[in-house]
């Protein structure tokens, strides 16, 4: 420690300066006041004041997240608009193609002048026989033969017995649509002279297929192709087979068409 008056060095613990006699307590008091004055001169930074560096890290992250969210919303909107526009255009093209196919079918029927009723046409086969067929949704439906079955159908492993009697119908299907169709028994009904409808007997149809090694369940027919199917209907035992007609659809949503049964000997084998 040094004397505040003469600057001479003072030994620790001394109360007076040995050179000039000044009290050391006044020097200690002045030193403390100087220290307090310097401390008071320094101001603490105001709470909550922004730093000179600009935005805080939290605000920067919030801005980035908001920008990314906005971009995602814009991309989602543009994607939805694009697919909606394309789907509408695709639907219009498909509808146009379908309308033109129907128009072509009607024009061909008109040129042949072979219409014999609503959606019914007659055509002469190569062997000279005439066959009547119906058209539903560009699918040609021709019942080519029918036969009565009073006995159970099938084998000893899988057999179906009628409540009255079975009428088996061989049906030729020709596909004139633009894509493949799936043929199933739900597309057909047998109609009697009173307008009563008879659905197919699934058990009889399955028994027939198993005993004849047929694979006609949910069969696909490609455009321009045709195939013959056999279906069975359980009708009253005293019903006249000649009084029935076949109602068919060109697919589950097709318009039903009622077609008389053609008894063509060439297709008799389908029910033997």
C-alpha atoms as a PDB file:
ATOM      1  CA  UNK A   1       0.000   0.000   0.000  1.00  0.00           C
ATOM      2  CA  UNK A   2       1.186   3.589  -0.686  1.00  0.00           C
ATOM      3  CA  UNK A   3       0.458   6.887   1.065  1.00  0.00           C
ATOM      4  CA  UNK A   4      -2.190   8.958  -0.614  1.00  0.00           C
ATOM      5  CA  UNK A   5      -0.418  12.180   0.421  1.00  0.00           C
ATOM      6  CA  UNK A   6       3.312  11.687  -0.254  1.00  0.00           C
ATOM      7  CA  UNK A   7       3.320   8.423  -2.196  1.00  0.00           C
ATOM      8  CA  UNK A   8       5.664   6.659   0.195  1.00  0.00           C
ATOM      9  CA  UNK A   9       5.250   2.911   0.749  1.00  0.00           C
ATOM     10  CA  UNK A  10       3.391   2.026   3.901  1.00  0.00           C
ATOM     11  CA  UNK A  11       3.806  -1.340   5.632  1.00  0.00           C
ATOM     12  CA  UNK A  12       0.743  -3.496   5.925  1.00  0.00           C
ATOM     13  CA  UNK A  13      -1.109  -2.952   9.182  1.00  0.00           C
ATOM     14  CA  UNK A  14       0.278   0.586   9.755  1.00  0.00           C
ATOM     15  CA  UNK A  15      -2.309   3.248  10.625  1.00  0.00           C
ATOM     16  CA  UNK A  16      -0.101   6.233   9.662  1.00  0.00           C
ATOM     17  CA  UNK A  17       2.491   7.014   6.968  1.00  0.00           C
ATOM     18  CA  UNK A  18       6.049   6.891   8.397  1.00  0.00           C
ATOM     19  CA  UNK A  19       7.108   9.758   6.077  1.00  0.00           C
ATOM     20  CA  UNK A  20       4.389  12.398   6.419  1.00  0.00           C
ATOM     21  CA  UNK A  21       2.099  11.008   9.146  1.00  0.00           C
ATOM     22  CA  UNK A  22      -1.048  10.815   7.024  1.00  0.00           C
ATOM     23  CA  UNK A  23      -3.650   8.345   8.282  1.00  0.00           C
ATOM     24  CA  UNK A  24      -3.922   5.166   6.167  1.00  0.00           C
ATOM     25  CA  UNK A  25      -7.701   4.894   6.787  1.00  0.00           C
ATOM     26  CA  UNK A  26      -8.407   7.840   4.477  1.00  0.00           C
ATOM     27  CA  UNK A  27      -6.440   6.172   1.705  1.00  0.00           C
ATOM     28  CA  UNK A  28      -8.351   2.953   2.125  1.00  0.00           C
ATOM     29  CA  UNK A  29     -11.682   4.857   2.053  1.00  0.00           C
ATOM     30  CA  UNK A  30     -10.740   6.728  -1.136  1.00  0.00           C
ATOM     31  CA  UNK A  31      -9.683   3.493  -2.827  1.00  0.00           C
ATOM     32  CA  UNK A  32     -13.032   1.918  -2.043  1.00  0.00           C
ATOM     33  CA  UNK A  33     -14.900   4.952  -3.364  1.00  0.00           C
ATOM     34  CA  UNK A  34     -12.885   4.811  -6.594  1.00  0.00           C
ATOM     35  CA  UNK A  35     -13.696   1.176  -7.098  1.00  0.00           C
ATOM     36  CA  UNK A  36     -17.418   1.781  -6.490  1.00  0.00           C
ATOM     37  CA  UNK A  37     -17.382   4.752  -8.867  1.00  0.00           C
ATOM     38  CA  UNK A  38     -15.882   2.666 -11.676  1.00  0.00           C
ATOM     39  CA  UNK A  39     -18.422  -0.101 -11.069  1.00  0.00           C
ATOM     40  CA  UNK A  40     -21.279   2.389 -11.140  1.00  0.00           C
ATOM     41  CA  UNK A  41     -19.996   3.796 -14.427  1.00  0.00           C
ATOM     42  CA  UNK A  42     -20.586   0.458 -16.154  1.00  0.00           C
ATOM     43  CA  UNK A  43     -24.281  -0.022 -17.172  1.00  0.00           C
ATOM     44  CA  UNK A  44     -25.792  -3.494 -17.351  1.00  0.00           C
ATOM     45  CA  UNK A  45     -27.277  -4.286 -20.721  1.00  0.00           C
ATOM     46  CA  UNK A  46     -31.061  -3.780 -20.880  1.00  0.00           C
ATOM     47  CA  UNK A  47     -33.057  -6.990 -20.517  1.00  0.00           C
ATOM     48  CA  UNK A  48     -34.686  -8.162 -23.711  1.00  0.00           C
ATOM     49  CA  UNK A  49     -32.692  -5.830 -25.937  1.00  0.00           C
ATOM     50  CA  UNK A  50     -31.910  -7.242 -29.387  1.00  0.00           C
ATOM     51  CA  UNK A  51     -28.292  -8.085 -30.071  1.00  0.00           C
ATOM     52  CA  UNK A  52     -26.349  -6.347 -32.797  1.00  0.00           C
ATOM     53  CA  UNK A  53     -26.235  -9.651 -34.697  1.00  0.00           C
ATOM     54  CA  UNK A  54     -29.820  -9.192 -36.069  1.00  0.00           C
ATOM     55  CA  UNK A  55     -32.524 -11.942 -35.881  1.00  0.00           C
ATOM     56  CA  UNK A  56     -32.387 -14.621 -33.230  1.00  0.00           C
ATOM     57  CA  UNK A  57     -31.901 -18.307 -34.166  1.00  0.00           C
ATOM     58  CA  UNK A  58     -35.506 -19.111 -33.150  1.00  0.00           C
ATOM     59  CA  UNK A  59     -36.946 -16.547 -35.541  1.00  0.00           C
ATOM     60  CA  UNK A  60     -34.785 -17.785 -38.405  1.00  0.00           C
ATOM     61  CA  UNK A  61     -35.990 -21.366 -37.843  1.00  0.00           C
ATOM     62  CA  UNK A  62     -39.622 -20.180 -37.763  1.00  0.00           C
ATOM     63  CA  UNK A  63     -39.204 -18.344 -41.075  1.00  0.00           C
ATOM     64  CA  UNK A  64     -37.607 -21.404 -42.735  1.00  0.00           C
ATOM     65  CA  UNK A  65     -40.383 -23.733 -41.487  1.00  0.00           C
ATOM     66  CA  UNK A  66     -43.068 -21.334 -42.708  1.00  0.00           C
ATOM     67  CA  UNK A  67     -41.467 -21.140 -46.142  1.00  0.00           C
ATOM     68  CA  UNK A  68     -41.261 -24.953 -46.441  1.00  0.00           C
ATOM     69  CA  UNK A  69     -44.935 -25.269 -45.398  1.00  0.00           C
ATOM     70  CA  UNK A  70     -45.955 -22.744 -48.080  1.00  0.00           C
ATOM     71  CA  UNK A  71     -44.016 -24.665 -50.759  1.00  0.00           C
ATOM     72  CA  UNK A  72     -45.695 -27.959 -49.748  1.00  0.00           C
ATOM     73  CA  UNK A  73     -49.161 -26.370 -49.998  1.00  0.00           C
ATOM     74  CA  UNK A  74     -48.411 -24.984 -53.468  1.00  0.00           C
ATOM     75  CA  UNK A  75     -47.025 -28.338 -54.731  1.00  0.00           C
ATOM     76  CA  UNK A  76     -50.080 -30.221 -53.370  1.00  0.00           C
ATOM     77  CA  UNK A  77     -52.468 -27.800 -55.062  1.00  0.00           C
ATOM     78  CA  UNK A  78     -50.671 -27.990 -58.416  1.00  0.00           C
ATOM     79  CA  UNK A  79     -50.528 -31.828 -58.263  1.00  0.00           C
ATOM     80  CA  UNK A  80     -54.258 -32.106 -57.494  1.00  0.00           C
ATOM     81  CA  UNK A  81     -55.073 -29.707 -60.345  1.00  0.00           C
ATOM     82  CA  UNK A  82     -52.909 -31.671 -62.793  1.00  0.00           C
ATOM     83  CA  UNK A  83     -54.428 -35.083 -62.002  1.00  0.00           C
ATOM     84  CA  UNK A  84     -57.997 -33.727 -61.993  1.00  0.00           C
ATOM     85  CA  UNK A  85     -57.453 -32.198 -65.420  1.00  0.00           C
ATOM     86  CA  UNK A  86     -55.897 -35.388 -66.845  1.00  0.00           C
ATOM     87  CA  UNK A  87     -58.628 -37.617 -65.369  1.00  0.00           C
ATOM     88  CA  UNK A  88     -61.321 -35.437 -66.937  1.00  0.00           C
ATOM     89  CA  UNK A  89     -59.578 -35.553 -70.311  1.00  0.00           C
ATOM     90  CA  UNK A  90     -59.165 -39.355 -70.080  1.00  0.00           C
ATOM     91  CA  UNK A  91     -62.861 -39.781 -69.203  1.00  0.00           C
ATOM     92  CA  UNK A  92     -63.891 -37.650 -72.179  1.00  0.00           C
ATOM     93  CA  UNK A  93     -61.690 -39.706 -74.536  1.00  0.00           C
ATOM     94  CA  UNK A  94     -63.048 -43.025 -73.199  1.00  0.00           C
ATOM     95  CA  UNK A  95     -66.633 -41.778 -73.504  1.00  0.00           C
ATOM     96  CA  UNK A  96     -65.988 -40.637 -77.074  1.00  0.00           C
ATOM     97  CA  UNK A  97     -64.501 -44.010 -78.049  1.00  0.00           C
ATOM     98  CA  UNK A  98     -67.437 -45.846 -76.449  1.00  0.00           C
ATOM     99  CA  UNK A  99     -69.986 -43.674 -78.271  1.00  0.00           C
ATOM    100  CA  UNK A 100     -68.239 -44.257 -81.597  1.00  0.00           C
ATOM    101  CA  UNK A 101     -68.169 -48.036 -81.030  1.00  0.00           C
ATOM    102  CA  UNK A 102     -71.898 -48.054 -80.294  1.00  0.00           C
ATOM    103  CA  UNK A 103     -72.475 -45.919 -83.392  1.00  0.00           C
ATOM    104  CA  UNK A 104     -70.473 -48.337 -85.558  1.00  0.00           C
ATOM    105  CA  UNK A 105     -72.431 -51.321 -84.212  1.00  0.00           C
ATOM    106  CA  UNK A 106     -75.755 -49.590 -84.937  1.00  0.00           C
ATOM    107  CA  UNK A 107     -74.625 -48.588 -88.422  1.00  0.00           C
ATOM    108  CA  UNK A 108     -73.618 -52.176 -89.227  1.00  0.00           C
ATOM    109  CA  UNK A 109     -76.982 -53.458 -88.010  1.00  0.00           C
ATOM    110  CA  UNK A 110     -78.740 -50.807 -90.101  1.00  0.00           C
ATOM    111  CA  UNK A 111     -76.735 -51.691 -93.210  1.00  0.00           C
ATOM    112  CA  UNK A 112     -77.543 -55.391 -92.825  1.00  0.00           C
ATOM    113  CA  UNK A 113     -81.191 -54.580 -92.146  1.00  0.00           C
ATOM    114  CA  UNK A 114     -81.335 -57.632 -89.893  1.00  0.00           C
ATOM    115  CA  UNK A 115     -83.118 -56.088 -86.898  1.00  0.00           C
ATOM    116  CA  UNK A 116     -86.090 -58.155 -85.660  1.00  0.00           C
ATOM    117  CA  UNK A 117     -86.844 -56.260 -82.427  1.00  0.00           C
ATOM    118  CA  UNK A 118     -85.353 -54.026 -79.769  1.00  0.00           C
ATOM    119  CA  UNK A 119     -81.638 -54.873 -79.725  1.00  0.00           C
ATOM    120  CA  UNK A 120     -82.461 -58.151 -81.546  1.00  0.00           C
ATOM    121  CA  UNK A 121     -80.923 -59.226 -84.854  1.00  0.00           C
ATOM    122  CA  UNK A 122     -81.142 -62.214 -87.170  1.00  0.00           C
ATOM    123  CA  UNK A 123     -78.209 -63.551 -89.149  1.00  0.00           C
ATOM    124  CA  UNK A 124     -77.797 -66.423 -91.542  1.00  0.00           C
ATOM    125  CA  UNK A 125     -75.028 -68.875 -90.707  1.00  0.00           C
ATOM    126  CA  UNK A 126     -72.717 -70.567 -93.201  1.00  0.00           C
ATOM    127  CA  UNK A 127     -74.725 -73.798 -92.990  1.00  0.00           C
ATOM    128  CA  UNK A 128     -77.908 -71.950 -93.938  1.00  0.00           C
ATOM    129  CA  UNK A 129     -79.454 -71.817 -90.473  1.00  0.00           C
ATOM    130  CA  UNK A 130     -80.696 -68.508 -89.131  1.00  0.00           C
ATOM    131  CA  UNK A 131     -79.823 -67.444 -85.580  1.00  0.00           C
ATOM    132  CA  UNK A 132     -81.397 -64.667 -83.539  1.00  0.00           C
ATOM    133  CA  UNK A 133     -79.082 -62.842 -81.156  1.00  0.00           C
ATOM    134  CA  UNK A 134     -79.287 -59.851 -78.843  1.00  0.00           C
ATOM    135  CA  UNK A 135     -76.852 -56.974 -78.348  1.00  0.00           C
ATOM    136  CA  UNK A 136     -76.209 -55.444 -74.932  1.00  0.00           C
ATOM    137  CA  UNK A 137     -73.370 -52.953 -74.413  1.00  0.00           C
ATOM    138  CA  UNK A 138     -71.661 -54.173 -77.610  1.00  0.00           C
ATOM    139  CA  UNK A 139     -71.808 -57.798 -76.441  1.00  0.00           C
ATOM    140  CA  UNK A 140     -73.608 -60.282 -78.724  1.00  0.00           C
ATOM    141  CA  UNK A 141     -75.690 -62.886 -76.859  1.00  0.00           C
ATOM    142  CA  UNK A 142     -77.053 -65.920 -78.719  1.00  0.00           C
ATOM    143  CA  UNK A 143     -78.802 -68.832 -76.924  1.00  0.00           C
ATOM    144  CA  UNK A 144     -77.939 -71.602 -79.400  1.00  0.00           C
ATOM    145  CA  UNK A 145     -79.499 -74.655 -77.740  1.00  0.00           C
ATOM    146  CA  UNK A 146     -81.590 -75.770 -74.736  1.00  0.00           C
ATOM    147  CA  UNK A 147     -82.361 -79.132 -73.159  1.00  0.00           C
ATOM    148  CA  UNK A 148     -84.473 -80.483 -70.274  1.00  0.00           C
ATOM    149  CA  UNK A 149     -82.941 -82.472 -67.391  1.00  0.00           C
ATOM    150  CA  UNK A 150     -85.340 -84.283 -65.080  1.00  0.00           C
ATOM    151  CA  UNK A 151     -82.595 -86.221 -63.301  1.00  0.00           C
ATOM    152  CA  UNK A 152     -79.811 -84.888 -61.037  1.00  0.00           C
ATOM    153  CA  UNK A 153     -76.810 -83.312 -62.778  1.00  0.00           C
ATOM    154  CA  UNK A 154     -73.208 -84.157 -62.001  1.00  0.00           C
ATOM    155  CA  UNK A 155     -71.264 -87.164 -60.736  1.00  0.00           C
ATOM    156  CA  UNK A 156     -71.209 -89.184 -57.548  1.00  0.00           C
ATOM    157  CA  UNK A 157     -68.710 -86.712 -56.103  1.00  0.00           C
ATOM    158  CA  UNK A 158     -70.759 -83.583 -56.776  1.00  0.00           C
ATOM    159  CA  UNK A 159     -74.415 -83.810 -57.725  1.00  0.00           C
ATOM    160  CA  UNK A 160     -77.336 -81.343 -57.967  1.00  0.00           C
ATOM    161  CA  UNK A 161     -81.003 -82.421 -57.963  1.00  0.00           C
ATOM    162  CA  UNK A 162     -83.776 -80.106 -59.298  1.00  0.00           C
ATOM    163  CA  UNK A 163     -86.821 -78.994 -57.329  1.00  0.00           C
ATOM    164  CA  UNK A 164     -88.816 -79.297 -60.562  1.00  0.00           C
ATOM    165  CA  UNK A 165     -86.548 -79.850 -63.556  1.00  0.00           C
ATOM    166  CA  UNK A 166     -83.443 -78.278 -64.970  1.00  0.00           C
ATOM    167  CA  UNK A 167     -83.309 -76.502 -68.306  1.00  0.00           C
ATOM    168  CA  UNK A 168     -79.773 -76.273 -69.610  1.00  0.00           C
ATOM    169  CA  UNK A 169     -79.005 -73.467 -72.069  1.00  0.00           C
ATOM    170  CA  UNK A 170     -75.898 -73.201 -74.246  1.00  0.00           C
ATOM    171  CA  UNK A 171     -75.109 -69.506 -74.818  1.00  0.00           C
ATOM    172  CA  UNK A 172     -72.668 -68.059 -77.329  1.00  0.00           C
ATOM    173  CA  UNK A 173     -71.100 -64.751 -76.252  1.00  0.00           C
ATOM    174  CA  UNK A 174     -69.218 -62.500 -78.691  1.00  0.00           C
ATOM    175  CA  UNK A 175     -67.325 -59.477 -77.360  1.00  0.00           C
ATOM    176  CA  UNK A 176     -67.359 -56.294 -79.463  1.00  0.00           C
ATOM    177  CA  UNK A 177     -66.216 -53.983 -76.665  1.00  0.00           C
ATOM    178  CA  UNK A 178     -62.815 -52.294 -76.557  1.00  0.00           C
ATOM    179  CA  UNK A 179     -61.536 -54.408 -73.673  1.00  0.00           C
ATOM    180  CA  UNK A 180     -62.004 -57.856 -72.155  1.00  0.00           C
ATOM    181  CA  UNK A 181     -65.264 -58.786 -70.422  1.00  0.00           C
ATOM    182  CA  UNK A 182     -65.793 -61.297 -67.621  1.00  0.00           C
ATOM    183  CA  UNK A 183     -68.754 -63.619 -68.156  1.00  0.00           C
ATOM    184  CA  UNK A 184     -70.584 -65.037 -65.139  1.00  0.00           C
ATOM    185  CA  UNK A 185     -73.956 -66.673 -64.468  1.00  0.00           C
ATOM    186  CA  UNK A 186     -75.381 -63.576 -62.748  1.00  0.00           C
ATOM    187  CA  UNK A 187     -75.668 -61.962 -66.200  1.00  0.00           C
ATOM    188  CA  UNK A 188     -78.483 -64.350 -67.259  1.00  0.00           C
ATOM    189  CA  UNK A 189     -82.132 -65.086 -66.414  1.00  0.00           C
ATOM    190  CA  UNK A 190     -84.690 -67.429 -67.948  1.00  0.00           C
ATOM    191  CA  UNK A 191     -88.040 -65.730 -68.695  1.00  0.00           C
ATOM    192  CA  UNK A 192     -91.323 -67.655 -69.165  1.00  0.00           C
ATOM    193  CA  UNK A 193     -94.451 -66.565 -71.045  1.00  0.00           C
ATOM    194  CA  UNK A 194     -95.844 -64.928 -67.876  1.00  0.00           C
ATOM    195  CA  UNK A 195     -92.748 -62.792 -67.456  1.00  0.00           C
ATOM    196  CA  UNK A 196     -91.491 -64.721 -64.446  1.00  0.00           C
ATOM    197  CA  UNK A 197     -87.713 -64.745 -64.036  1.00  0.00           C
ATOM    198  CA  UNK A 198     -85.619 -67.784 -63.096  1.00  0.00           C
ATOM    199  CA  UNK A 199     -82.054 -67.326 -61.902  1.00  0.00           C
ATOM    200  CA  UNK A 200     -79.300 -69.795 -62.645  1.00  0.00           C
ATOM    201  CA  UNK A 201     -78.693 -72.790 -60.378  1.00  0.00           C
ATOM    202  CA  UNK A 202     -75.124 -72.353 -59.187  1.00  0.00           C
ATOM    203  CA  UNK A 203     -74.989 -75.876 -57.786  1.00  0.00           C
ATOM    204  CA  UNK A 204     -76.152 -77.431 -61.067  1.00  0.00           C
ATOM    205  CA  UNK A 205     -73.751 -75.299 -63.114  1.00  0.00           C
ATOM    206  CA  UNK A 206     -70.803 -76.255 -60.886  1.00  0.00           C
ATOM    207  CA  UNK A 207     -71.774 -79.955 -60.987  1.00  0.00           C
ATOM    208  CA  UNK A 208     -71.909 -79.809 -64.778  1.00  0.00           C
ATOM    209  CA  UNK A 209     -68.541 -78.079 -65.028  1.00  0.00           C
ATOM    210  CA  UNK A 210     -66.879 -80.588 -62.698  1.00  0.00           C
ATOM    211  CA  UNK A 211     -68.299 -83.629 -64.466  1.00  0.00           C
ATOM    212  CA  UNK A 212     -67.450 -82.256 -67.917  1.00  0.00           C
ATOM    213  CA  UNK A 213     -64.049 -80.782 -66.955  1.00  0.00           C
ATOM    214  CA  UNK A 214     -65.226 -77.334 -67.987  1.00  0.00           C
ATOM    215  CA  UNK A 215     -63.638 -74.077 -66.825  1.00  0.00           C
ATOM    216  CA  UNK A 216     -66.287 -71.449 -67.383  1.00  0.00           C
ATOM    217  CA  UNK A 217     -66.487 -69.713 -64.000  1.00  0.00           C
ATOM    218  CA  UNK A 218     -65.629 -66.017 -64.411  1.00  0.00           C
ATOM    219  CA  UNK A 219     -64.175 -66.577 -67.885  1.00  0.00           C
ATOM    220  CA  UNK A 220     -62.714 -63.574 -69.712  1.00  0.00           C
ATOM    221  CA  UNK A 221     -63.375 -62.920 -73.404  1.00  0.00           C
ATOM    222  CA  UNK A 222     -61.037 -60.540 -75.215  1.00  0.00           C
ATOM    223  CA  UNK A 223     -62.307 -58.061 -77.843  1.00  0.00           C
ATOM    224  CA  UNK A 224     -63.347 -59.755 -81.089  1.00  0.00           C
ATOM    225  CA  UNK A 225     -63.470 -63.240 -79.527  1.00  0.00           C
ATOM    226  CA  UNK A 226     -66.405 -65.476 -78.616  1.00  0.00           C
ATOM    227  CA  UNK A 227     -67.090 -68.538 -76.483  1.00  0.00           C
ATOM    228  CA  UNK A 228     -69.958 -70.879 -75.583  1.00  0.00           C
ATOM    229  CA  UNK A 229     -71.173 -71.248 -71.989  1.00  0.00           C
ATOM    230  CA  UNK A 230     -73.685 -73.634 -70.387  1.00  0.00           C
ATOM    231  CA  UNK A 231     -76.048 -72.520 -67.628  1.00  0.00           C
ATOM    232  CA  UNK A 232     -78.819 -74.347 -65.788  1.00  0.00           C
ATOM    233  CA  UNK A 233     -82.156 -73.106 -64.469  1.00  0.00           C
ATOM    234  CA  UNK A 234     -84.512 -74.874 -62.040  1.00  0.00           C
ATOM    235  CA  UNK A 235     -88.073 -74.500 -63.405  1.00  0.00           C
ATOM    236  CA  UNK A 236     -91.447 -76.175 -62.670  1.00  0.00           C
ATOM    237  CA  UNK A 237     -91.635 -79.803 -63.803  1.00  0.00           C
ATOM    238  CA  UNK A 238     -94.633 -79.140 -66.093  1.00  0.00           C
ATOM    239  CA  UNK A 239     -93.125 -76.055 -67.788  1.00  0.00           C
ATOM    240  CA  UNK A 240     -92.836 -76.083 -71.591  1.00  0.00           C
ATOM    241  CA  UNK A 241     -89.250 -75.578 -72.657  1.00  0.00           C
ATOM    242  CA  UNK A 242     -90.387 -73.805 -75.837  1.00  0.00           C
ATOM    243  CA  UNK A 243     -92.074 -71.064 -73.783  1.00  0.00           C
ATOM    244  CA  UNK A 244     -88.814 -69.751 -72.333  1.00  0.00           C
ATOM    245  CA  UNK A 245     -86.533 -66.973 -73.537  1.00  0.00           C
ATOM    246  CA  UNK A 246     -83.129 -65.959 -72.243  1.00  0.00           C
ATOM    247  CA  UNK A 247     -82.465 -62.553 -70.738  1.00  0.00           C
ATOM    248  CA  UNK A 248     -78.817 -61.512 -70.844  1.00  0.00           C
ATOM    249  CA  UNK A 249     -76.642 -58.498 -70.110  1.00  0.00           C
ATOM    250  CA  UNK A 250     -73.360 -57.356 -71.638  1.00  0.00           C
ATOM    251  CA  UNK A 251     -71.746 -57.086 -68.221  1.00  0.00           C
ATOM    252  CA  UNK A 252     -73.338 -56.413 -64.835  1.00  0.00           C
ATOM    253  CA  UNK A 253     -74.259 -52.827 -65.803  1.00  0.00           C
ATOM    254  CA  UNK A 254     -75.401 -53.604 -69.345  1.00  0.00           C
ATOM    255  CA  UNK A 255     -78.981 -53.089 -70.526  1.00  0.00           C
ATOM    256  CA  UNK A 256     -80.892 -56.407 -70.399  1.00  0.00           C
ATOM    257  CA  UNK A 257     -81.986 -57.951 -73.689  1.00  0.00           C
ATOM    258  CA  UNK A 258     -84.466 -60.847 -74.034  1.00  0.00           C
ATOM    259  CA  UNK A 259     -83.561 -63.329 -76.780  1.00  0.00           C
ATOM    260  CA  UNK A 260     -85.508 -66.370 -78.053  1.00  0.00           C
ATOM    261  CA  UNK A 261     -83.665 -69.684 -77.816  1.00  0.00           C
ATOM    262  CA  UNK A 262     -82.255 -71.053 -81.067  1.00  0.00           C
ATOM    263  CA  UNK A 263     -82.372 -74.862 -81.281  1.00  0.00           C
ATOM    264  CA  UNK A 264     -79.305 -75.422 -83.452  1.00  0.00           C
ATOM    265  CA  UNK A 265     -78.275 -79.059 -83.815  1.00  0.00           C
ATOM    266  CA  UNK A 266     -74.620 -78.077 -84.221  1.00  0.00           C
ATOM    267  CA  UNK A 267     -74.561 -77.003 -80.558  1.00  0.00           C
ATOM    268  CA  UNK A 268     -76.477 -79.972 -79.198  1.00  0.00           C
ATOM    269  CA  UNK A 269     -73.242 -81.532 -78.029  1.00  0.00           C
ATOM    270  CA  UNK A 270     -72.721 -78.780 -75.469  1.00  0.00           C
ATOM    271  CA  UNK A 271     -75.543 -80.288 -73.402  1.00  0.00           C
ATOM    272  CA  UNK A 272     -74.806 -83.989 -73.897  1.00  0.00           C
END
